Amino acid sequence: MPQDDIAPASSANAFGIPSAADIRSLTEERKRLKAAEEARERALLDEEEKHRKDLFFSRKLTPEVVDRIMRRVRTAAENGQSELLLGHFPSAWCTDHGRKINVREDGWPDTLQGMAREFYEFWDANLKASGFHIAVEIISFPDGMPGEVGVTLSWSA
């Protein structure tokens, strides 16, 4: 009977059948490999999230970024839409973890940071007077807690 990678030849019986201990070892090894793979995936996701956070807090609202946003707005309008979700970010990136946004408390803009704050200030100074509206709200609630904050620009009357 051909040997496979289930057990070393020395622990198989006369019929080539591995012992229960060998099978348990195989199970444990597979669990270790799976846990190691999951740890690698978590580390990769953590690194991606760190990169996303670094960009969120370091990027500036340049004329090029504004141009890209307004092209997206124009495309949405041409497609019959009256609003556009510009982006989203974890509520943990707000100074109060999204609490004021969630309950629509006065002063919620003061809790914004990074690119969200830059865009809000840009909207207030440049788009608000032109009739654009902004909605900043919690758009997900994992485990009942504020998750992602969405920033939507609208142009309906």
N, C-alpha and C. Protein backbone atom coordinates (compact mmCIF):
# COMPACT_ATOMS: atom_id res chain seq x y z
N MET A 1 0.85 -1.18 0.00
CA MET A 1 0.00 0.00 0.00
C MET A 1 0.89 1.23 0.00
N PRO A 2 0.65 2.22 -0.88
CA PRO A 2 1.51 3.39 -0.96
C PRO A 2 1.35 4.27 0.28
N GLN A 3 2.48 4.84 0.72
CA GLN A 3 2.47 5.76 1.87
C GLN A 3 2.15 7.16 1.36
N ASP A 4 1.35 7.89 2.12
CA ASP A 4 1.16 9.30 1.80
C ASP A 4 1.67 10.12 2.96
N ASP A 5 1.33 11.38 3.02
CA ASP A 5 1.90 12.24 4.05
C ASP A 5 1.13 12.20 5.36
N ILE A 6 0.25 11.21 5.53
CA ILE A 6 -0.54 11.14 6.76
C ILE A 6 0.33 10.78 7.96
N ALA A 7 1.21 9.84 7.82
CA ALA A 7 2.00 9.41 8.97
C ALA A 7 3.32 8.84 8.50
N PRO A 8 4.32 8.94 9.34
CA PRO A 8 5.59 8.32 9.00
C PRO A 8 5.44 6.80 8.95
N ALA A 9 6.23 6.16 8.12
CA ALA A 9 6.14 4.71 7.95
C ALA A 9 6.35 3.96 9.26
N SER A 10 7.15 4.48 10.15
CA SER A 10 7.47 3.75 11.38
C SER A 10 6.28 3.65 12.33
N SER A 11 5.28 4.54 12.24
CA SER A 11 4.17 4.46 13.18
C SER A 11 2.95 3.75 12.57
N ALA A 12 3.02 3.35 11.32
CA ALA A 12 1.92 2.63 10.70
C ALA A 12 1.98 1.17 11.11
N ASN A 13 0.82 0.53 11.18
CA ASN A 13 0.80 -0.89 11.53
C ASN A 13 1.12 -1.74 10.30
N ALA A 14 0.94 -3.04 10.42
CA ALA A 14 1.29 -3.97 9.34
C ALA A 14 0.50 -3.70 8.07
N PHE A 15 -0.66 -3.09 8.19
CA PHE A 15 -1.47 -2.79 7.01
C PHE A 15 -1.19 -1.40 6.45
N GLY A 16 -0.24 -0.70 7.05
CA GLY A 16 0.07 0.65 6.60
C GLY A 16 -0.89 1.70 7.12
N ILE A 17 -1.69 1.33 8.10
CA ILE A 17 -2.66 2.27 8.67
C ILE A 17 -1.98 3.07 9.78
N PRO A 18 -2.06 4.38 9.73
CA PRO A 18 -1.44 5.19 10.77
C PRO A 18 -2.20 5.05 12.09
N SER A 19 -1.52 5.34 13.17
CA SER A 19 -2.15 5.26 14.49
C SER A 19 -3.06 6.48 14.69
N ALA A 20 -3.93 6.37 15.68
CA ALA A 20 -4.79 7.49 16.03
C ALA A 20 -3.94 8.69 16.45
N ALA A 21 -2.84 8.44 17.12
CA ALA A 21 -1.94 9.53 17.53
C ALA A 21 -1.38 10.24 16.29
N ASP A 22 -1.05 9.47 15.26
CA ASP A 22 -0.57 10.09 14.02
C ASP A 22 -1.65 10.95 13.37
N ILE A 23 -2.87 10.48 13.38
CA ILE A 23 -3.98 11.24 12.81
C ILE A 23 -4.21 12.51 13.63
N ARG A 24 -4.14 12.38 14.97
CA ARG A 24 -4.28 13.57 15.83
C ARG A 24 -3.18 14.57 15.53
N SER A 25 -1.97 14.07 15.34
CA SER A 25 -0.84 14.96 15.01
C SER A 25 -1.10 15.69 13.70
N LEU A 26 -1.64 14.96 12.73
CA LEU A 26 -1.97 15.57 11.45
C LEU A 26 -3.01 16.68 11.64
N THR A 27 -4.04 16.38 12.43
CA THR A 27 -5.08 17.38 12.71
C THR A 27 -4.48 18.61 13.36
N GLU A 28 -3.64 18.40 14.36
CA GLU A 28 -3.01 19.53 15.06
C GLU A 28 -2.11 20.33 14.12
N GLU A 29 -1.38 19.65 13.26
CA GLU A 29 -0.51 20.35 12.31
C GLU A 29 -1.34 21.20 11.35
N ARG A 30 -2.45 20.64 10.87
CA ARG A 30 -3.33 21.41 9.97
C ARG A 30 -3.89 22.63 10.69
N LYS A 31 -4.27 22.46 11.97
CA LYS A 31 -4.77 23.59 12.75
C LYS A 31 -3.70 24.66 12.92
N ARG A 32 -2.46 24.24 13.18
CA ARG A 32 -1.36 25.19 13.32
C ARG A 32 -1.13 25.95 12.01
N LEU A 33 -1.15 25.22 10.91
CA LEU A 33 -0.96 25.87 9.61
C LEU A 33 -2.08 26.86 9.31
N LYS A 34 -3.32 26.45 9.62
CA LYS A 34 -4.46 27.34 9.40
C LYS A 34 -4.35 28.59 10.28
N ALA A 35 -3.98 28.42 11.54
CA ALA A 35 -3.83 29.56 12.45
C ALA A 35 -2.72 30.49 11.96
N ALA A 36 -1.63 29.93 11.46
CA ALA A 36 -0.54 30.75 10.95
C ALA A 36 -0.99 31.54 9.72
N GLU A 37 -1.75 30.90 8.85
CA GLU A 37 -2.27 31.59 7.66
C GLU A 37 -3.22 32.71 8.06
N GLU A 38 -4.10 32.44 9.03
CA GLU A 38 -5.03 33.47 9.50
C GLU A 38 -4.26 34.63 10.13
N ALA A 39 -3.20 34.33 10.85
CA ALA A 39 -2.38 35.39 11.46
C ALA A 39 -1.71 36.24 10.37
N ARG A 40 -1.23 35.59 9.30
CA ARG A 40 -0.64 36.34 8.19
C ARG A 40 -1.69 37.23 7.53
N GLU A 41 -2.89 36.70 7.33
CA GLU A 41 -3.97 37.49 6.72
C GLU A 41 -4.34 38.68 7.61
N ARG A 42 -4.44 38.45 8.93
CA ARG A 42 -4.75 39.54 9.86
C ARG A 42 -3.67 40.61 9.82
N ALA A 43 -2.41 40.17 9.78
CA ALA A 43 -1.30 41.12 9.73
C ALA A 43 -1.37 41.95 8.44
N LEU A 44 -1.71 41.31 7.34
CA LEU A 44 -1.84 42.03 6.07
C LEU A 44 -2.99 43.03 6.14
N LEU A 45 -4.13 42.62 6.69
CA LEU A 45 -5.26 43.53 6.83
C LEU A 45 -4.92 44.69 7.77
N ASP A 46 -4.21 44.39 8.85
CA ASP A 46 -3.79 45.44 9.77
C ASP A 46 -2.87 46.44 9.08
N GLU A 47 -1.97 45.93 8.25
CA GLU A 47 -1.05 46.80 7.52
C GLU A 47 -1.81 47.67 6.52
N GLU A 48 -2.79 47.07 5.83
CA GLU A 48 -3.61 47.83 4.90
C GLU A 48 -4.40 48.91 5.63
N GLU A 49 -4.95 48.58 6.79
CA GLU A 49 -5.71 49.55 7.57
C GLU A 49 -4.80 50.67 8.07
N LYS A 50 -3.59 50.34 8.47
CA LYS A 50 -2.62 51.35 8.91
C LYS A 50 -2.31 52.29 7.75
N HIS A 51 -2.11 51.73 6.56
CA HIS A 51 -1.83 52.55 5.37
C HIS A 51 -3.02 53.47 5.07
N ARG A 52 -4.23 52.91 5.14
CA ARG A 52 -5.44 53.71 4.90
C ARG A 52 -5.54 54.85 5.91
N LYS A 53 -5.25 54.55 7.16
CA LYS A 53 -5.32 55.58 8.21
C LYS A 53 -4.25 56.65 7.98
N ASP A 54 -3.05 56.21 7.64
CA ASP A 54 -1.97 57.18 7.37
C ASP A 54 -2.37 58.13 6.23
N LEU A 55 -2.96 57.58 5.17
CA LEU A 55 -3.41 58.42 4.06
C LEU A 55 -4.52 59.37 4.50
N PHE A 56 -5.46 58.86 5.27
CA PHE A 56 -6.59 59.66 5.73
C PHE A 56 -6.11 60.87 6.53
N PHE A 57 -5.11 60.65 7.36
CA PHE A 57 -4.64 61.74 8.22
C PHE A 57 -3.57 62.62 7.57
N SER A 58 -2.94 62.15 6.51
CA SER A 58 -1.86 62.93 5.91
C SER A 58 -2.23 63.60 4.59
N ARG A 59 -3.17 63.03 3.85
CA ARG A 59 -3.53 63.61 2.55
C ARG A 59 -4.15 64.98 2.71
N LYS A 60 -3.90 65.80 1.75
CA LYS A 60 -4.46 67.15 1.72
C LYS A 60 -5.47 67.25 0.58
N LEU A 61 -6.42 68.11 0.76
CA LEU A 61 -7.43 68.34 -0.26
C LEU A 61 -6.87 69.31 -1.29
N THR A 62 -6.19 68.75 -2.27
CA THR A 62 -5.54 69.55 -3.31
C THR A 62 -6.54 69.88 -4.42
N PRO A 63 -6.19 70.81 -5.28
CA PRO A 63 -7.07 71.09 -6.43
C PRO A 63 -7.32 69.83 -7.28
N GLU A 64 -6.32 68.96 -7.37
CA GLU A 64 -6.50 67.72 -8.15
C GLU A 64 -7.54 66.81 -7.49
N VAL A 65 -7.50 66.72 -6.17
CA VAL A 65 -8.48 65.89 -5.46
C VAL A 65 -9.88 66.49 -5.63
N VAL A 66 -9.99 67.80 -5.49
CA VAL A 66 -11.28 68.47 -5.69
C VAL A 66 -11.79 68.22 -7.11
N ASP A 67 -10.90 68.30 -8.10
CA ASP A 67 -11.29 68.05 -9.48
C ASP A 67 -11.82 66.62 -9.65
N ARG A 68 -11.15 65.64 -9.05
CA ARG A 68 -11.62 64.24 -9.13
C ARG A 68 -13.00 64.10 -8.49
N ILE A 69 -13.18 64.73 -7.34
CA ILE A 69 -14.48 64.67 -6.67
C ILE A 69 -15.56 65.28 -7.56
N MET A 70 -15.29 66.44 -8.12
CA MET A 70 -16.31 67.11 -8.93
C MET A 70 -16.59 66.35 -10.23
N ARG A 71 -15.60 65.65 -10.77
CA ARG A 71 -15.86 64.79 -11.94
C ARG A 71 -16.80 63.66 -11.54
N ARG A 72 -16.59 63.09 -10.36
CA ARG A 72 -17.49 62.03 -9.87
C ARG A 72 -18.90 62.58 -9.67
N VAL A 73 -19.00 63.79 -9.14
CA VAL A 73 -20.31 64.42 -8.93
C VAL A 73 -21.00 64.63 -10.28
N ARG A 74 -20.27 65.15 -11.25
CA ARG A 74 -20.85 65.38 -12.58
C ARG A 74 -21.33 64.06 -13.20
N THR A 75 -20.53 63.02 -13.10
CA THR A 75 -20.92 61.72 -13.64
C THR A 75 -22.18 61.20 -12.95
N ALA A 76 -22.24 61.34 -11.63
CA ALA A 76 -23.43 60.90 -10.89
C ALA A 76 -24.66 61.69 -11.35
N ALA A 77 -24.51 63.00 -11.52
CA ALA A 77 -25.63 63.83 -11.97
C ALA A 77 -26.07 63.43 -13.37
N GLU A 78 -25.11 63.16 -14.24
CA GLU A 78 -25.44 62.73 -15.61
C GLU A 78 -26.16 61.39 -15.61
N ASN A 79 -25.96 60.60 -14.57
CA ASN A 79 -26.63 59.31 -14.44
C ASN A 79 -27.95 59.42 -13.67
N GLY A 80 -28.40 60.66 -13.44
CA GLY A 80 -29.68 60.86 -12.79
C GLY A 80 -29.66 60.83 -11.27
N GLN A 81 -28.51 60.78 -10.68
CA GLN A 81 -28.43 60.75 -9.22
C GLN A 81 -28.41 62.17 -8.67
N SER A 82 -28.81 62.30 -7.41
CA SER A 82 -28.80 63.61 -6.77
C SER A 82 -27.90 63.64 -5.54
N GLU A 83 -27.16 62.57 -5.34
CA GLU A 83 -26.20 62.53 -4.24
C GLU A 83 -25.12 61.51 -4.56
N LEU A 84 -24.01 61.64 -3.83
CA LEU A 84 -22.88 60.75 -4.06
C LEU A 84 -22.16 60.49 -2.74
N LEU A 85 -22.00 59.22 -2.41
CA LEU A 85 -21.19 58.85 -1.25
C LEU A 85 -19.74 59.06 -1.65
N LEU A 86 -19.11 60.06 -1.04
CA LEU A 86 -17.73 60.39 -1.41
C LEU A 86 -16.73 59.43 -0.80
N GLY A 87 -17.05 58.92 0.36
CA GLY A 87 -16.14 58.00 1.01
C GLY A 87 -16.63 57.65 2.39
N HIS A 88 -15.89 56.76 3.04
CA HIS A 88 -16.23 56.35 4.40
C HIS A 88 -14.95 56.03 5.15
N PHE A 89 -15.05 56.07 6.46
CA PHE A 89 -13.89 55.83 7.32
C PHE A 89 -14.40 55.34 8.67
N PRO A 90 -13.55 54.68 9.44
CA PRO A 90 -13.97 54.16 10.75
C PRO A 90 -14.35 55.30 11.70
N SER A 91 -15.43 55.10 12.43
CA SER A 91 -15.85 56.11 13.40
C SER A 91 -14.79 56.32 14.48
N ALA A 92 -13.93 55.35 14.68
CA ALA A 92 -12.84 55.49 15.66
C ALA A 92 -11.89 56.62 15.28
N TRP A 93 -11.92 57.05 14.04
CA TRP A 93 -11.05 58.14 13.60
C TRP A 93 -11.64 59.51 13.93
N CYS A 94 -12.85 59.55 14.47
CA CYS A 94 -13.42 60.80 14.99
C CYS A 94 -12.93 60.95 16.43
N THR A 95 -12.85 62.19 16.89
CA THR A 95 -12.33 62.41 18.25
C THR A 95 -13.20 61.77 19.32
N ASP A 96 -14.49 61.57 19.03
CA ASP A 96 -15.39 60.95 20.01
C ASP A 96 -15.91 59.59 19.53
N HIS A 97 -15.21 58.99 18.57
CA HIS A 97 -15.58 57.69 17.99
C HIS A 97 -16.96 57.71 17.33
N GLY A 98 -17.36 58.88 16.85
CA GLY A 98 -18.61 58.98 16.09
C GLY A 98 -19.85 59.24 16.93
N ARG A 99 -19.72 59.45 18.23
CA ARG A 99 -20.88 59.63 19.09
C ARG A 99 -21.74 60.82 18.67
N LYS A 100 -21.14 61.99 18.48
CA LYS A 100 -21.92 63.18 18.12
C LYS A 100 -22.56 63.03 16.74
N ILE A 101 -21.86 62.41 15.83
CA ILE A 101 -22.44 62.18 14.50
C ILE A 101 -23.63 61.25 14.62
N ASN A 102 -23.50 60.21 15.41
CA ASN A 102 -24.55 59.22 15.55
C ASN A 102 -25.83 59.82 16.14
N VAL A 103 -25.70 60.73 17.09
CA VAL A 103 -26.90 61.31 17.73
C VAL A 103 -27.22 62.69 17.17
N ARG A 104 -26.50 63.10 16.14
CA ARG A 104 -26.70 64.38 15.46
C ARG A 104 -26.64 65.55 16.44
N GLU A 105 -25.65 65.49 17.28
CA GLU A 105 -25.45 66.53 18.30
C GLU A 105 -24.73 67.72 17.69
N ASP A 106 -25.11 68.91 18.16
CA ASP A 106 -24.41 70.12 17.70
C ASP A 106 -22.92 69.96 17.94
N GLY A 107 -22.15 70.51 17.05
CA GLY A 107 -20.70 70.45 17.18
C GLY A 107 -20.08 69.20 16.60
N TRP A 108 -20.88 68.36 15.93
CA TRP A 108 -20.32 67.13 15.37
C TRP A 108 -19.18 67.40 14.39
N PRO A 109 -19.20 68.51 13.61
CA PRO A 109 -18.07 68.71 12.70
C PRO A 109 -16.73 68.84 13.42
N ASP A 110 -16.77 69.30 14.67
CA ASP A 110 -15.52 69.43 15.43
C ASP A 110 -14.88 68.09 15.73
N THR A 111 -15.63 67.00 15.60
CA THR A 111 -15.08 65.68 15.89
C THR A 111 -14.38 65.07 14.68
N LEU A 112 -14.56 65.68 13.51
CA LEU A 112 -13.92 65.17 12.30
C LEU A 112 -12.42 65.45 12.33
N GLN A 113 -11.68 64.56 11.73
CA GLN A 113 -10.23 64.71 11.63
C GLN A 113 -9.79 64.36 10.21
N GLY A 114 -8.55 64.65 9.92
CA GLY A 114 -7.94 64.24 8.66
C GLY A 114 -8.68 64.75 7.44
N MET A 115 -8.74 63.88 6.43
CA MET A 115 -9.36 64.25 5.16
C MET A 115 -10.83 64.60 5.33
N ALA A 116 -11.53 63.96 6.26
CA ALA A 116 -12.95 64.28 6.47
C ALA A 116 -13.11 65.72 6.93
N ARG A 117 -12.26 66.14 7.83
CA ARG A 117 -12.32 67.53 8.31
C ARG A 117 -11.97 68.50 7.18
N GLU A 118 -10.94 68.16 6.41
CA GLU A 118 -10.56 69.02 5.28
C GLU A 118 -11.71 69.17 4.30
N PHE A 119 -12.38 68.04 3.98
CA PHE A 119 -13.47 68.15 3.02
C PHE A 119 -14.64 68.93 3.62
N TYR A 120 -14.95 68.69 4.88
CA TYR A 120 -16.05 69.44 5.51
C TYR A 120 -15.76 70.94 5.45
N GLU A 121 -14.55 71.34 5.78
CA GLU A 121 -14.19 72.76 5.75
C GLU A 121 -14.24 73.31 4.32
N PHE A 122 -13.83 72.49 3.35
CA PHE A 122 -13.91 72.90 1.94
C PHE A 122 -15.37 73.09 1.54
N TRP A 123 -16.21 72.13 1.91
CA TRP A 123 -17.63 72.24 1.60
C TRP A 123 -18.20 73.52 2.21
N ASP A 124 -17.92 73.76 3.48
CA ASP A 124 -18.45 74.92 4.19
C ASP A 124 -18.02 76.23 3.53
N ALA A 125 -16.78 76.29 3.10
CA ALA A 125 -16.23 77.53 2.52
C ALA A 125 -16.55 77.69 1.03
N ASN A 126 -16.73 76.59 0.30
CA ASN A 126 -16.82 76.69 -1.16
C ASN A 126 -18.07 76.10 -1.80
N LEU A 127 -18.66 75.09 -1.23
CA LEU A 127 -19.78 74.41 -1.88
C LEU A 127 -21.14 74.72 -1.27
N LYS A 128 -21.17 74.98 -0.01
CA LYS A 128 -22.43 75.23 0.70
C LYS A 128 -23.20 76.38 0.07
N ALA A 129 -22.53 77.48 -0.19
CA ALA A 129 -23.19 78.66 -0.77
C ALA A 129 -23.71 78.38 -2.18
N SER A 130 -23.15 77.36 -2.84
CA SER A 130 -23.59 77.00 -4.20
C SER A 130 -24.77 76.04 -4.19
N GLY A 131 -25.26 75.68 -3.00
CA GLY A 131 -26.42 74.81 -2.91
C GLY A 131 -26.12 73.35 -2.67
N PHE A 132 -24.87 73.00 -2.51
CA PHE A 132 -24.52 71.61 -2.19
C PHE A 132 -24.79 71.35 -0.71
N HIS A 133 -25.21 70.13 -0.41
CA HIS A 133 -25.46 69.72 0.97
C HIS A 133 -24.49 68.59 1.30
N ILE A 134 -24.19 68.47 2.58
CA ILE A 134 -23.33 67.38 3.02
C ILE A 134 -24.06 66.61 4.11
N ALA A 135 -23.93 65.31 4.07
CA ALA A 135 -24.47 64.45 5.12
C ALA A 135 -23.31 63.59 5.62
N VAL A 136 -23.09 63.65 6.90
CA VAL A 136 -22.06 62.83 7.53
C VAL A 136 -22.80 61.99 8.55
N GLU A 137 -22.79 60.67 8.35
CA GLU A 137 -23.58 59.80 9.23
C GLU A 137 -22.92 58.44 9.39
N ILE A 138 -23.31 57.77 10.45
CA ILE A 138 -22.83 56.41 10.68
C ILE A 138 -23.58 55.51 9.70
N ILE A 139 -22.83 54.75 8.92
CA ILE A 139 -23.48 53.91 7.89
C ILE A 139 -23.40 52.42 8.20
N SER A 140 -22.73 52.06 9.30
CA SER A 140 -22.71 50.65 9.70
C SER A 140 -22.62 50.58 11.22
N PHE A 141 -23.18 49.50 11.75
CA PHE A 141 -23.22 49.29 13.20
C PHE A 141 -22.83 47.86 13.54
N PRO A 142 -21.56 47.50 13.40
CA PRO A 142 -21.15 46.14 13.77
C PRO A 142 -21.32 45.94 15.28
N ASP A 143 -21.96 44.86 15.64
CA ASP A 143 -22.22 44.53 17.04
C ASP A 143 -22.96 45.66 17.76
N GLY A 144 -23.77 46.42 17.02
CA GLY A 144 -24.56 47.49 17.61
C GLY A 144 -23.81 48.77 17.91
N MET A 145 -22.55 48.82 17.55
CA MET A 145 -21.72 50.00 17.82
C MET A 145 -21.45 50.75 16.52
N PRO A 146 -21.26 52.09 16.60
CA PRO A 146 -20.94 52.84 15.38
C PRO A 146 -19.72 52.26 14.68
N GLY A 147 -19.87 52.01 13.40
CA GLY A 147 -18.78 51.44 12.60
C GLY A 147 -18.19 52.47 11.67
N GLU A 148 -18.63 52.45 10.43
CA GLU A 148 -18.11 53.37 9.42
C GLU A 148 -18.93 54.65 9.38
N VAL A 149 -18.24 55.75 9.12
CA VAL A 149 -18.86 57.05 8.90
C VAL A 149 -18.86 57.30 7.40
N GLY A 150 -20.01 57.63 6.85
CA GLY A 150 -20.10 57.94 5.43
C GLY A 150 -20.24 59.44 5.22
N VAL A 151 -19.60 59.95 4.17
CA VAL A 151 -19.69 61.36 3.80
C VAL A 151 -20.35 61.43 2.43
N THR A 152 -21.54 62.02 2.40
CA THR A 152 -22.32 62.10 1.17
C THR A 152 -22.52 63.56 0.78
N LEU A 153 -22.28 63.85 -0.48
CA LEU A 153 -22.52 65.18 -1.03
C LEU A 153 -23.78 65.10 -1.88
N SER A 154 -24.69 66.06 -1.69
CA SER A 154 -25.92 66.06 -2.50
C SER A 154 -26.15 67.44 -3.09
N TRP A 155 -26.95 67.46 -4.14
CA TRP A 155 -27.22 68.71 -4.85
C TRP A 155 -28.70 68.86 -5.17
N SER A 156 -29.55 68.12 -4.48
CA SER A 156 -30.99 68.26 -4.70
C SER A 156 -31.47 69.55 -4.03
N ALA A 157 -32.57 70.08 -4.57
CA ALA A 157 -33.10 71.36 -4.06
C ALA A 157 -33.65 71.22 -2.66
